[in-house]
Amino acid sequence: MFSQSIFAQLVRMSVLLVLSLIAVHNSPTLLNLLAQQAVNSGCHQQTGQDHNHHHSHHHH
């Protein structure tokens, strides 16, 4: 019974994942929004790394 409930949860999660992927794939606006968010996150992360790198050189 315990394994059946875990299996049911996995099936539900898989279905939700597939539906989410289909929704994103079929919605150019949502896809562009997610892509822009990923770019923004990458830029912020890169900026933070550059700042830390510059900061370490500043101490030397």
Protein backbone atom coordinates (compact mmCIF):
# COMPACT_ATOMS: atom_id res chain seq x y z
CA MET A 1 0.00 0.00 0.00
CA PHE A 2 2.80 2.40 0.84
CA SER A 3 4.57 1.76 -2.46
CA GLN A 4 1.29 2.24 -4.33
CA SER A 5 0.84 5.70 -2.81
CA ILE A 6 4.40 6.65 -3.77
CA PHE A 7 3.76 5.35 -7.28
CA ALA A 8 0.56 7.40 -7.47
CA GLN A 9 2.44 10.53 -6.38
CA LEU A 10 5.14 9.91 -8.99
CA VAL A 11 2.51 9.46 -11.68
CA ARG A 12 0.78 12.70 -10.67
CA MET A 13 4.07 14.60 -10.60
CA SER A 14 5.06 13.19 -13.98
CA VAL A 15 1.73 14.20 -15.49
CA LEU A 16 2.07 17.70 -14.08
CA LEU A 17 5.62 17.95 -15.42
CA VAL A 18 4.54 16.83 -18.89
CA LEU A 19 1.61 19.26 -18.89
CA SER A 20 3.91 22.08 -17.79
CA LEU A 21 6.40 21.27 -20.54
CA ILE A 22 3.62 21.15 -23.13
CA ALA A 23 2.23 24.47 -21.89
CA VAL A 24 5.64 26.13 -22.08
CA HIS A 25 6.39 24.60 -25.48
CA ASN A 26 3.06 25.78 -26.92
CA SER A 27 3.22 29.26 -25.41
CA PRO A 28 5.90 31.46 -27.03
CA THR A 29 5.17 34.29 -24.59
CA LEU A 30 5.72 32.07 -21.56
CA LEU A 31 8.80 30.53 -23.17
CA ASN A 32 10.29 33.97 -23.85
CA LEU A 33 9.50 35.07 -20.30
CA LEU A 34 11.28 32.04 -18.84
CA ALA A 35 14.22 32.51 -21.20
CA GLN A 36 14.54 36.17 -20.20
CA GLN A 37 14.39 35.18 -16.52
CA ALA A 38 17.17 32.63 -17.07
CA VAL A 39 19.31 35.24 -18.85
CA ASN A 40 18.74 37.75 -16.05
CA SER A 41 19.69 35.18 -13.42
CA GLY A 42 22.82 34.26 -15.34
CA CYS A 43 23.83 37.91 -15.74
CA HIS A 44 23.33 38.63 -12.05
CA GLN A 45 25.33 35.55 -11.10
CA GLN A 46 28.12 36.45 -13.52
CA THR A 47 28.19 40.04 -12.23
CA GLY A 48 28.55 38.74 -8.69
CA GLN A 49 31.42 36.48 -9.72
CA ASP A 50 33.15 39.33 -11.53
CA HIS A 51 32.76 41.54 -8.49
CA ASN A 52 34.23 38.91 -6.18
CA HIS A 53 37.05 38.25 -8.61
CA HIS A 54 37.83 41.95 -8.84
CA HIS A 55 37.57 42.28 -5.09
CA SER A 56 40.13 39.52 -4.50
CA HIS A 57 42.56 41.22 -6.89
CA HIS A 58 42.00 44.48 -5.08
CA HIS A 59 43.29 42.93 -1.84
CA HIS A 60 46.51 41.77 -3.51
